[in-house]
Amino acid sequence: MKKWMGMLLGTIAILTVSCAPEVTDTKTSSYAEDRAQIEDLQARYLFALDFFDMDTYVSTFTEDGILDIIAYQAKGREEIRKKLEEARPNFDQSAGDGPKGPYPSTGRHNITNIVLKIDGDKAVGTSYWFHYGNNNPERKGVFDGYGHYEDEMVKVNGQWLFSKRVIYNEGVAEWIGPKKNPSW
């Protein structure tokens, strides 16, 4: 009798679990999911900058997003595109009149030490960036710049975008960040 009762209760438990409606909440996401999406946004931004892909670059900002590089500010995707096109020799090493070498020079930005505060569909973040380039006759890769980002981000239609990105560059006197811990 005990064996039969155990089998009956086990069968009922299996049926209850397998027949229960699936509950999914599509309106909320976990911190881990949001963080992964924000880190993806940051990486897409840097790949777009390094390959001077302006369509992808401006798409990482909201329609009215702000790019603040201390020396200049741009608001909105079209103004951001225009300002970056004007500064192309600074960001696209293959476009400048740099040292001649056996092949075009390149540069690669990296990001690290990412600190994020996520609150619903808004987030703020701080991270370090650094740059390696080979804009020299030997095309030898060298470390040639670093600084940090201070970001404000929003989730628009399920996708994280920059609403404001401030870029500090420790190699340019006018662009050096405040002498305080940027991670709050």
N, C-alpha and C. Protein backbone atom coordinates (compact mmCIF):
# COMPACT_ATOMS: atom_id res chain seq x y z
N MET A 1 0.82 -1.18 0.00
CA MET A 1 0.00 0.00 0.00
C MET A 1 0.88 1.26 0.00
N LYS A 2 1.95 1.28 0.83
CA LYS A 2 2.82 2.45 0.89
C LYS A 2 3.49 2.67 -0.46
N LYS A 3 3.90 1.56 -1.09
CA LYS A 3 4.56 1.66 -2.39
C LYS A 3 3.59 2.25 -3.43
N TRP A 4 2.35 1.76 -3.42
CA TRP A 4 1.34 2.23 -4.37
C TRP A 4 1.03 3.71 -4.13
N MET A 5 0.93 4.10 -2.86
CA MET A 5 0.63 5.49 -2.51
C MET A 5 1.79 6.40 -2.92
N GLY A 6 3.03 5.96 -2.75
CA GLY A 6 4.19 6.73 -3.16
C GLY A 6 4.22 6.94 -4.66
N MET A 7 3.90 5.88 -5.42
CA MET A 7 3.86 5.99 -6.89
C MET A 7 2.76 6.95 -7.32
N LEU A 8 1.61 6.90 -6.66
CA LEU A 8 0.50 7.78 -7.00
C LEU A 8 0.87 9.24 -6.73
N LEU A 9 1.46 9.50 -5.57
CA LEU A 9 1.85 10.88 -5.25
C LEU A 9 2.95 11.37 -6.19
N GLY A 10 3.88 10.52 -6.54
CA GLY A 10 4.93 10.89 -7.50
C GLY A 10 4.35 11.24 -8.85
N THR A 11 3.39 10.43 -9.32
CA THR A 11 2.75 10.69 -10.61
C THR A 11 1.99 12.01 -10.58
N ILE A 12 1.29 12.27 -9.48
CA ILE A 12 0.55 13.53 -9.35
C ILE A 12 1.51 14.72 -9.37
N ALA A 13 2.64 14.59 -8.69
CA ALA A 13 3.63 15.68 -8.67
C ALA A 13 4.17 15.95 -10.06
N ILE A 14 4.48 14.89 -10.80
CA ILE A 14 5.01 15.06 -12.16
C ILE A 14 3.98 15.72 -13.05
N LEU A 15 2.73 15.27 -12.96
CA LEU A 15 1.67 15.87 -13.79
C LEU A 15 1.44 17.33 -13.42
N THR A 16 1.50 17.63 -12.15
CA THR A 16 1.28 19.02 -11.71
C THR A 16 2.36 19.94 -12.27
N VAL A 17 3.60 19.51 -12.19
CA VAL A 17 4.70 20.33 -12.68
C VAL A 17 4.65 20.45 -14.20
N SER A 18 4.40 19.36 -14.89
CA SER A 18 4.42 19.39 -16.36
C SER A 18 3.22 20.12 -16.95
N CYS A 19 2.12 20.19 -16.22
CA CYS A 19 0.92 20.85 -16.74
C CYS A 19 0.78 22.29 -16.28
N ALA A 20 1.63 22.73 -15.38
CA ALA A 20 1.55 24.10 -14.86
C ALA A 20 1.89 25.08 -15.97
N PRO A 21 1.17 26.19 -16.04
CA PRO A 21 1.48 27.18 -17.08
C PRO A 21 2.87 27.78 -16.85
N GLU A 22 3.57 28.04 -17.95
CA GLU A 22 4.89 28.64 -17.85
C GLU A 22 4.71 30.12 -17.56
N VAL A 23 5.42 30.61 -16.55
CA VAL A 23 5.32 32.01 -16.17
C VAL A 23 6.62 32.68 -16.58
N THR A 24 6.51 33.64 -17.48
CA THR A 24 7.69 34.41 -17.88
C THR A 24 7.36 35.88 -17.76
N ASP A 25 8.27 36.61 -17.23
CA ASP A 25 8.11 38.05 -17.09
C ASP A 25 9.00 38.71 -18.13
N THR A 26 8.41 39.20 -19.19
CA THR A 26 9.19 39.79 -20.28
C THR A 26 9.52 41.25 -20.04
N LYS A 27 9.01 41.84 -18.97
CA LYS A 27 9.24 43.26 -18.73
C LYS A 27 10.45 43.54 -17.86
N THR A 28 10.94 42.54 -17.16
CA THR A 28 12.10 42.77 -16.32
C THR A 28 13.26 41.91 -16.79
N SER A 29 14.43 42.36 -16.49
CA SER A 29 15.61 41.58 -16.81
C SER A 29 16.50 41.59 -15.57
N SER A 30 17.39 40.65 -15.54
CA SER A 30 18.27 40.55 -14.38
C SER A 30 19.44 41.52 -14.53
N TYR A 31 20.10 41.76 -13.40
CA TYR A 31 21.30 42.60 -13.42
C TYR A 31 22.32 42.01 -14.39
N ALA A 32 22.48 40.69 -14.36
CA ALA A 32 23.47 40.04 -15.23
C ALA A 32 23.13 40.26 -16.70
N GLU A 33 21.85 40.14 -17.07
CA GLU A 33 21.46 40.36 -18.46
C GLU A 33 21.70 41.80 -18.88
N ASP A 34 21.32 42.74 -18.02
CA ASP A 34 21.53 44.16 -18.34
C ASP A 34 23.02 44.47 -18.44
N ARG A 35 23.80 43.96 -17.51
CA ARG A 35 25.25 44.20 -17.54
C ARG A 35 25.86 43.64 -18.82
N ALA A 36 25.47 42.43 -19.20
CA ALA A 36 26.01 41.83 -20.43
C ALA A 36 25.64 42.69 -21.64
N GLN A 37 24.42 43.19 -21.68
CA GLN A 37 24.01 44.03 -22.81
C GLN A 37 24.77 45.36 -22.82
N ILE A 38 25.03 45.92 -21.65
CA ILE A 38 25.78 47.18 -21.58
C ILE A 38 27.24 46.95 -22.00
N GLU A 39 27.84 45.85 -21.56
CA GLU A 39 29.21 45.55 -21.97
C GLU A 39 29.28 45.32 -23.48
N ASP A 40 28.24 44.71 -24.05
CA ASP A 40 28.17 44.54 -25.50
C ASP A 40 28.08 45.91 -26.19
N LEU A 41 27.28 46.81 -25.66
CA LEU A 41 27.18 48.17 -26.19
C LEU A 41 28.55 48.84 -26.19
N GLN A 42 29.28 48.74 -25.08
CA GLN A 42 30.60 49.35 -24.98
C GLN A 42 31.57 48.76 -26.00
N ALA A 43 31.51 47.46 -26.21
CA ALA A 43 32.40 46.81 -27.18
C ALA A 43 32.04 47.22 -28.61
N ARG A 44 30.74 47.24 -28.94
CA ARG A 44 30.32 47.65 -30.30
C ARG A 44 30.76 49.08 -30.58
N TYR A 45 30.65 49.94 -29.58
CA TYR A 45 31.09 51.33 -29.70
C TYR A 45 32.57 51.38 -30.09
N LEU A 46 33.41 50.61 -29.37
CA LEU A 46 34.85 50.65 -29.63
C LEU A 46 35.23 50.02 -30.96
N PHE A 47 34.59 48.91 -31.33
CA PHE A 47 34.86 48.34 -32.65
C PHE A 47 34.49 49.35 -33.74
N ALA A 48 33.35 50.00 -33.58
CA ALA A 48 32.93 50.98 -34.58
C ALA A 48 33.92 52.14 -34.66
N LEU A 49 34.43 52.59 -33.53
CA LEU A 49 35.42 53.66 -33.53
C LEU A 49 36.71 53.21 -34.22
N ASP A 50 37.20 52.03 -33.87
CA ASP A 50 38.47 51.55 -34.44
C ASP A 50 38.39 51.30 -35.94
N PHE A 51 37.22 50.91 -36.42
CA PHE A 51 37.07 50.65 -37.86
C PHE A 51 36.37 51.81 -38.57
N PHE A 52 36.21 52.90 -37.86
CA PHE A 52 35.57 54.12 -38.34
C PHE A 52 34.27 53.82 -39.08
N ASP A 53 33.44 53.02 -38.44
CA ASP A 53 32.11 52.65 -38.93
C ASP A 53 31.11 53.60 -38.28
N MET A 54 30.88 54.73 -38.92
CA MET A 54 30.08 55.79 -38.32
C MET A 54 28.62 55.39 -38.14
N ASP A 55 28.07 54.55 -39.01
CA ASP A 55 26.68 54.13 -38.83
C ASP A 55 26.51 53.37 -37.52
N THR A 56 27.39 52.42 -37.28
CA THR A 56 27.32 51.66 -36.03
C THR A 56 27.65 52.55 -34.84
N TYR A 57 28.67 53.41 -35.00
CA TYR A 57 29.08 54.29 -33.92
C TYR A 57 27.92 55.15 -33.43
N VAL A 58 27.27 55.86 -34.32
CA VAL A 58 26.19 56.75 -33.89
C VAL A 58 24.98 55.97 -33.39
N SER A 59 24.81 54.72 -33.86
CA SER A 59 23.67 53.92 -33.40
C SER A 59 23.82 53.47 -31.96
N THR A 60 24.98 53.65 -31.35
CA THR A 60 25.15 53.30 -29.94
C THR A 60 24.62 54.41 -29.02
N PHE A 61 24.22 55.54 -29.60
CA PHE A 61 23.67 56.66 -28.84
C PHE A 61 22.17 56.76 -29.07
N THR A 62 21.47 57.34 -28.09
CA THR A 62 20.07 57.67 -28.30
C THR A 62 19.99 58.76 -29.37
N GLU A 63 18.81 58.97 -29.91
CA GLU A 63 18.62 59.99 -30.96
C GLU A 63 19.14 61.36 -30.49
N ASP A 64 18.95 61.67 -29.21
CA ASP A 64 19.39 62.96 -28.67
C ASP A 64 20.60 62.79 -27.75
N GLY A 65 21.36 61.71 -27.93
CA GLY A 65 22.51 61.42 -27.08
C GLY A 65 23.59 62.48 -27.16
N ILE A 66 24.40 62.53 -26.12
CA ILE A 66 25.48 63.53 -26.02
C ILE A 66 26.82 62.82 -25.98
N LEU A 67 27.72 63.26 -26.84
CA LEU A 67 29.12 62.83 -26.80
C LEU A 67 29.92 64.04 -26.32
N ASP A 68 30.58 63.88 -25.19
CA ASP A 68 31.33 64.97 -24.57
C ASP A 68 32.78 64.54 -24.48
N ILE A 69 33.62 65.13 -25.36
CA ILE A 69 35.05 64.80 -25.36
C ILE A 69 35.83 65.98 -24.78
N ILE A 70 35.24 66.67 -23.86
CA ILE A 70 35.83 67.80 -23.15
C ILE A 70 36.16 68.95 -24.11
N ALA A 71 36.96 68.69 -25.15
CA ALA A 71 37.31 69.73 -26.11
C ALA A 71 36.10 70.14 -26.95
N TYR A 72 35.18 69.23 -27.12
CA TYR A 72 33.95 69.55 -27.84
C TYR A 72 32.83 68.62 -27.41
N GLN A 73 31.63 69.10 -27.56
CA GLN A 73 30.45 68.32 -27.26
C GLN A 73 29.58 68.25 -28.50
N ALA A 74 28.88 67.13 -28.66
CA ALA A 74 27.96 66.98 -29.77
C ALA A 74 26.68 66.36 -29.22
N LYS A 75 25.53 66.87 -29.68
CA LYS A 75 24.23 66.36 -29.24
C LYS A 75 23.46 65.85 -30.45
N GLY A 76 23.00 64.64 -30.35
CA GLY A 76 22.23 64.02 -31.43
C GLY A 76 23.14 63.26 -32.38
N ARG A 77 22.59 62.23 -32.97
CA ARG A 77 23.39 61.34 -33.82
C ARG A 77 24.05 62.06 -35.00
N GLU A 78 23.35 62.97 -35.64
CA GLU A 78 23.94 63.64 -36.81
C GLU A 78 25.09 64.56 -36.42
N GLU A 79 24.93 65.28 -35.31
CA GLU A 79 26.02 66.16 -34.87
C GLU A 79 27.22 65.32 -34.39
N ILE A 80 26.94 64.20 -33.72
CA ILE A 80 28.03 63.31 -33.30
C ILE A 80 28.80 62.83 -34.53
N ARG A 81 28.08 62.40 -35.56
CA ARG A 81 28.73 61.94 -36.80
C ARG A 81 29.58 63.06 -37.40
N LYS A 82 29.02 64.26 -37.48
CA LYS A 82 29.72 65.41 -38.08
C LYS A 82 31.01 65.73 -37.31
N LYS A 83 30.91 65.79 -35.98
CA LYS A 83 32.08 66.12 -35.16
C LYS A 83 33.17 65.06 -35.29
N LEU A 84 32.77 63.79 -35.33
CA LEU A 84 33.75 62.73 -35.44
C LEU A 84 34.39 62.70 -36.83
N GLU A 85 33.60 62.98 -37.85
CA GLU A 85 34.17 63.07 -39.20
C GLU A 85 35.22 64.19 -39.26
N GLU A 86 34.94 65.32 -38.60
CA GLU A 86 35.90 66.43 -38.56
C GLU A 86 37.18 66.03 -37.84
N ALA A 87 37.06 65.18 -36.83
CA ALA A 87 38.22 64.76 -36.04
C ALA A 87 38.80 63.44 -36.53
N ARG A 88 38.41 63.02 -37.71
CA ARG A 88 38.82 61.69 -38.20
C ARG A 88 40.32 61.42 -38.09
N PRO A 89 41.20 62.34 -38.43
CA PRO A 89 42.64 62.04 -38.30
C PRO A 89 43.07 61.66 -36.88
N ASN A 90 42.34 62.14 -35.86
CA ASN A 90 42.67 61.79 -34.48
C ASN A 90 42.22 60.38 -34.10
N PHE A 91 41.15 59.89 -34.75
CA PHE A 91 40.56 58.61 -34.37
C PHE A 91 40.82 57.49 -35.37
N ASP A 92 41.08 57.83 -36.61
CA ASP A 92 41.28 56.84 -37.67
C ASP A 92 42.72 56.95 -38.15
N GLN A 93 43.59 56.14 -37.59
CA GLN A 93 45.02 56.27 -37.89
C GLN A 93 45.33 56.05 -39.36
N SER A 94 44.54 55.29 -40.07
CA SER A 94 44.82 55.05 -41.49
C SER A 94 44.47 56.26 -42.34
N ALA A 95 43.74 57.25 -41.79
CA ALA A 95 43.32 58.41 -42.57
C ALA A 95 44.31 59.57 -42.47
N GLY A 96 45.20 59.54 -41.51
CA GLY A 96 46.10 60.67 -41.29
C GLY A 96 47.35 60.61 -42.16
N ASP A 97 48.19 61.60 -41.98
CA ASP A 97 49.47 61.67 -42.69
C ASP A 97 50.59 61.17 -41.79
N GLY A 98 50.33 60.09 -41.07
CA GLY A 98 51.32 59.54 -40.14
C GLY A 98 52.49 58.90 -40.87
N PRO A 99 53.38 58.32 -40.10
CA PRO A 99 54.57 57.68 -40.69
C PRO A 99 54.19 56.60 -41.71
N LYS A 100 54.91 56.58 -42.80
CA LYS A 100 54.67 55.56 -43.83
C LYS A 100 55.26 54.24 -43.35
N GLY A 101 54.61 53.15 -43.71
CA GLY A 101 55.07 51.83 -43.33
C GLY A 101 54.69 50.83 -44.39
N PRO A 102 54.95 49.55 -44.14
CA PRO A 102 54.69 48.52 -45.15
C PRO A 102 53.20 48.28 -45.38
N TYR A 103 52.32 48.76 -44.50
CA TYR A 103 50.87 48.61 -44.65
C TYR A 103 50.21 49.70 -43.81
N PRO A 104 48.92 49.96 -44.02
CA PRO A 104 48.25 51.03 -43.27
C PRO A 104 48.31 50.80 -41.76
N SER A 105 48.42 51.88 -41.03
CA SER A 105 48.44 51.78 -39.57
C SER A 105 47.02 51.54 -39.04
N THR A 106 46.97 50.98 -37.85
CA THR A 106 45.69 50.73 -37.19
C THR A 106 45.82 51.07 -35.71
N GLY A 107 44.69 51.13 -35.06
CA GLY A 107 44.65 51.34 -33.62
C GLY A 107 43.51 50.54 -33.02
N ARG A 108 43.67 50.13 -31.78
CA ARG A 108 42.65 49.34 -31.11
C ARG A 108 42.43 49.87 -29.70
N HIS A 109 41.17 50.19 -29.41
CA HIS A 109 40.77 50.62 -28.08
C HIS A 109 40.34 49.40 -27.27
N ASN A 110 40.61 49.44 -25.99
CA ASN A 110 40.18 48.40 -25.06
C ASN A 110 39.52 49.06 -23.87
N ILE A 111 38.66 48.31 -23.20
CA ILE A 111 37.95 48.85 -22.04
C ILE A 111 38.11 47.86 -20.89
N THR A 112 38.20 48.40 -19.68
CA THR A 112 38.40 47.54 -18.51
C THR A 112 37.86 48.24 -17.26
N ASN A 113 37.86 47.54 -16.15
CA ASN A 113 37.43 48.07 -14.85
C ASN A 113 36.06 48.74 -14.96
N ILE A 114 35.10 48.01 -15.46
CA ILE A 114 33.75 48.54 -15.71
C ILE A 114 32.94 48.51 -14.41
N VAL A 115 32.49 49.68 -13.97
CA VAL A 115 31.64 49.81 -12.78
C VAL A 115 30.29 50.31 -13.27
N LEU A 116 29.22 49.61 -12.90
CA LEU A 116 27.88 49.98 -13.36
C LEU A 116 26.90 50.05 -12.19
N LYS A 117 26.00 51.02 -12.27
CA LYS A 117 24.83 51.09 -11.38
C LYS A 117 23.63 51.05 -12.30
N ILE A 118 22.84 50.01 -12.18
CA ILE A 118 21.67 49.83 -13.05
C ILE A 118 20.43 49.98 -12.19
N ASP A 119 19.52 50.84 -12.65
CA ASP A 119 18.27 51.08 -11.94
C ASP A 119 17.13 51.07 -12.96
N GLY A 120 16.53 49.90 -13.15
CA GLY A 120 15.46 49.78 -14.14
C GLY A 120 15.99 49.96 -15.54
N ASP A 121 15.45 50.95 -16.25
CA ASP A 121 15.86 51.23 -17.63
C ASP A 121 16.91 52.34 -17.73
N LYS A 122 17.55 52.65 -16.62
CA LYS A 122 18.61 53.66 -16.61
C LYS A 122 19.84 53.07 -15.94
N ALA A 123 21.00 53.52 -16.38
CA ALA A 123 22.25 53.06 -15.79
C ALA A 123 23.30 54.15 -15.90
N VAL A 124 24.23 54.14 -14.97
CA VAL A 124 25.42 54.98 -15.05
C VAL A 124 26.61 54.05 -14.93
N GLY A 125 27.69 54.45 -15.57
CA GLY A 125 28.87 53.60 -15.53
C GLY A 125 30.14 54.40 -15.67
N THR A 126 31.20 53.80 -15.19
CA THR A 126 32.54 54.35 -15.32
C THR A 126 33.46 53.21 -15.70
N SER A 127 34.40 53.48 -16.58
CA SER A 127 35.34 52.44 -16.99
C SER A 127 36.62 53.10 -17.51
N TYR A 128 37.69 52.32 -17.46
CA TYR A 128 38.95 52.75 -18.06
C TYR A 128 38.97 52.36 -19.52
N TRP A 129 39.63 53.17 -20.34
CA TRP A 129 39.93 52.79 -21.72
C TRP A 129 41.42 52.97 -21.93
N PHE A 130 41.95 52.18 -22.85
CA PHE A 130 43.33 52.37 -23.26
C PHE A 130 43.44 52.01 -24.74
N HIS A 131 44.51 52.49 -25.36
CA HIS A 131 44.64 52.37 -26.81
C HIS A 131 46.04 51.88 -27.18
N TYR A 132 46.06 50.95 -28.10
CA TYR A 132 47.30 50.50 -28.73
C TYR A 132 47.23 50.87 -30.19
N GLY A 133 48.33 51.32 -30.75
CA GLY A 133 48.38 51.66 -32.17
C GLY A 133 49.72 51.28 -32.76
N ASN A 134 49.77 51.29 -34.08
CA ASN A 134 51.04 50.99 -34.76
C ASN A 134 51.36 52.06 -35.80
N ASN A 135 51.08 53.30 -35.44
CA ASN A 135 51.30 54.43 -36.34
C ASN A 135 52.78 54.86 -36.29
N ASN A 136 53.64 53.97 -36.77
CA ASN A 136 55.08 54.21 -36.81
C ASN A 136 55.63 53.44 -38.01
N PRO A 137 56.82 53.78 -38.49
CA PRO A 137 57.34 53.14 -39.70
C PRO A 137 57.46 51.61 -39.61
N GLU A 138 57.74 51.09 -38.43
CA GLU A 138 57.90 49.63 -38.27
C GLU A 138 56.56 48.92 -38.09
N ARG A 139 55.49 49.67 -37.87
CA ARG A 139 54.17 49.16 -37.56
C ARG A 139 54.19 48.30 -36.29
N LYS A 140 55.05 48.70 -35.37
CA LYS A 140 55.16 48.03 -34.09
C LYS A 140 54.02 48.51 -33.19
N GLY A 141 53.31 47.58 -32.56
CA GLY A 141 52.23 47.96 -31.66
C GLY A 141 52.76 48.60 -30.39
N VAL A 142 52.24 49.78 -30.05
CA VAL A 142 52.67 50.48 -28.85
C VAL A 142 51.45 51.01 -28.10
N PHE A 143 51.58 51.05 -26.80
CA PHE A 143 50.57 51.66 -25.94
C PHE A 143 50.70 53.16 -26.13
N ASP A 144 49.59 53.84 -26.49
CA ASP A 144 49.73 55.26 -26.76
C ASP A 144 48.62 56.15 -26.20
N GLY A 145 47.79 55.63 -25.31
CA GLY A 145 46.81 56.51 -24.71
C GLY A 145 45.92 55.78 -23.72
N TYR A 146 45.40 56.55 -22.75
CA TYR A 146 44.47 55.97 -21.78
C TYR A 146 43.65 57.08 -21.14
N GLY A 147 42.56 56.68 -20.54
CA GLY A 147 41.70 57.60 -19.84
C GLY A 147 40.53 56.84 -19.25
N HIS A 148 39.41 57.55 -19.07
CA HIS A 148 38.22 56.85 -18.59
C HIS A 148 36.96 57.46 -19.18
N TYR A 149 35.90 56.66 -19.15
CA TYR A 149 34.58 57.07 -19.61
C TYR A 149 33.69 57.26 -18.39
N GLU A 150 32.79 58.23 -18.48
CA GLU A 150 31.69 58.38 -17.54
C GLU A 150 30.43 58.37 -18.39
N ASP A 151 29.60 57.35 -18.18
CA ASP A 151 28.45 57.11 -19.06
C ASP A 151 27.12 57.20 -18.35
N GLU A 152 26.14 57.66 -19.10
CA GLU A 152 24.73 57.55 -18.72
C GLU A 152 24.09 56.77 -19.85
N MET A 153 23.31 55.74 -19.50
CA MET A 153 22.70 54.88 -20.50
C MET A 153 21.23 54.68 -20.18
N VAL A 154 20.46 54.43 -21.23
CA VAL A 154 19.04 54.13 -21.09
C VAL A 154 18.70 52.94 -21.97
N LYS A 155 17.67 52.23 -21.55
CA LYS A 155 17.19 51.11 -22.35
C LYS A 155 16.02 51.61 -23.19
N VAL A 156 16.17 51.52 -24.51
CA VAL A 156 15.16 51.99 -25.45
C VAL A 156 14.71 50.78 -26.27
N ASN A 157 13.43 50.46 -26.20
CA ASN A 157 12.89 49.30 -26.91
C ASN A 157 13.72 48.04 -26.66
N GLY A 158 14.12 47.84 -25.41
CA GLY A 158 14.86 46.65 -25.02
C GLY A 158 16.35 46.68 -25.32
N GLN A 159 16.86 47.81 -25.83
CA GLN A 159 18.28 47.90 -26.18
C GLN A 159 18.93 49.04 -25.41
N TRP A 160 20.08 48.76 -24.78
CA TRP A 160 20.82 49.78 -24.05
C TRP A 160 21.55 50.69 -25.03
N LEU A 161 21.47 52.00 -24.78
CA LEU A 161 22.14 53.02 -25.60
C LEU A 161 22.74 54.07 -24.68
N PHE A 162 23.76 54.75 -25.18
CA PHE A 162 24.34 55.87 -24.44
C PHE A 162 23.41 57.07 -24.58
N SER A 163 23.04 57.67 -23.45
CA SER A 163 22.35 58.96 -23.52
C SER A 163 23.39 60.07 -23.34
N LYS A 164 24.51 59.71 -22.69
CA LYS A 164 25.63 60.66 -22.55
C LYS A 164 26.90 59.86 -22.31
N ARG A 165 27.95 60.22 -23.03
CA ARG A 165 29.26 59.61 -22.81
C ARG A 165 30.28 60.73 -22.71
N VAL A 166 30.96 60.81 -21.57
CA VAL A 166 32.04 61.78 -21.35
C VAL A 166 33.35 61.01 -21.43
N ILE A 167 34.28 61.52 -22.24
CA ILE A 167 35.56 60.85 -22.45
C ILE A 167 36.68 61.72 -21.89
N TYR A 168 37.42 61.16 -20.95
CA TYR A 168 38.61 61.82 -20.41
C TYR A 168 39.83 61.11 -20.99
N ASN A 169 40.85 61.90 -21.36
CA ASN A 169 42.07 61.36 -21.95
C ASN A 169 43.24 61.89 -21.14
N GLU A 170 43.94 61.01 -20.47
CA GLU A 170 45.04 61.41 -19.59
C GLU A 170 46.29 61.85 -20.35
N GLY A 171 46.29 61.74 -21.67
CA GLY A 171 47.43 62.15 -22.47
C GLY A 171 47.27 63.53 -23.10
N VAL A 172 46.14 64.17 -22.88
CA VAL A 172 45.87 65.50 -23.43
C VAL A 172 45.53 66.42 -22.26
N ALA A 173 46.36 67.41 -22.03
CA ALA A 173 46.24 68.25 -20.83
C ALA A 173 44.81 68.78 -20.63
N GLU A 174 44.17 69.21 -21.70
CA GLU A 174 42.83 69.79 -21.58
C GLU A 174 41.75 68.74 -21.35
N TRP A 175 42.06 67.47 -21.54
CA TRP A 175 41.05 66.40 -21.45
C TRP A 175 41.21 65.53 -20.20
N ILE A 176 42.15 65.88 -19.33
CA ILE A 176 42.40 65.07 -18.14
C ILE A 176 41.20 65.16 -17.20
N GLY A 177 40.85 64.01 -16.65
CA GLY A 177 39.70 63.95 -15.75
C GLY A 177 39.97 64.56 -14.39
N PRO A 178 38.91 64.80 -13.65
CA PRO A 178 39.05 65.33 -12.29
C PRO A 178 39.88 64.37 -11.42
N LYS A 179 40.58 64.93 -10.48
CA LYS A 179 41.45 64.12 -9.61
C LYS A 179 40.63 63.56 -8.44
N LYS A 180 39.69 62.71 -8.79
CA LYS A 180 38.88 62.01 -7.77
C LYS A 180 38.62 60.60 -8.30
N ASN A 181 38.27 59.71 -7.42
CA ASN A 181 37.94 58.36 -7.81
C ASN A 181 36.66 58.38 -8.66
N PRO A 182 36.75 58.02 -9.93
CA PRO A 182 35.57 58.12 -10.80
C PRO A 182 34.55 57.02 -10.57
N SER A 183 34.83 56.03 -9.73
CA SER A 183 33.91 54.93 -9.55
C SER A 183 32.94 55.17 -8.40
N TRP A 184 32.74 56.40 -8.00
CA TRP A 184 31.81 56.84 -6.95
C TRP A 184 32.38 56.51 -5.62
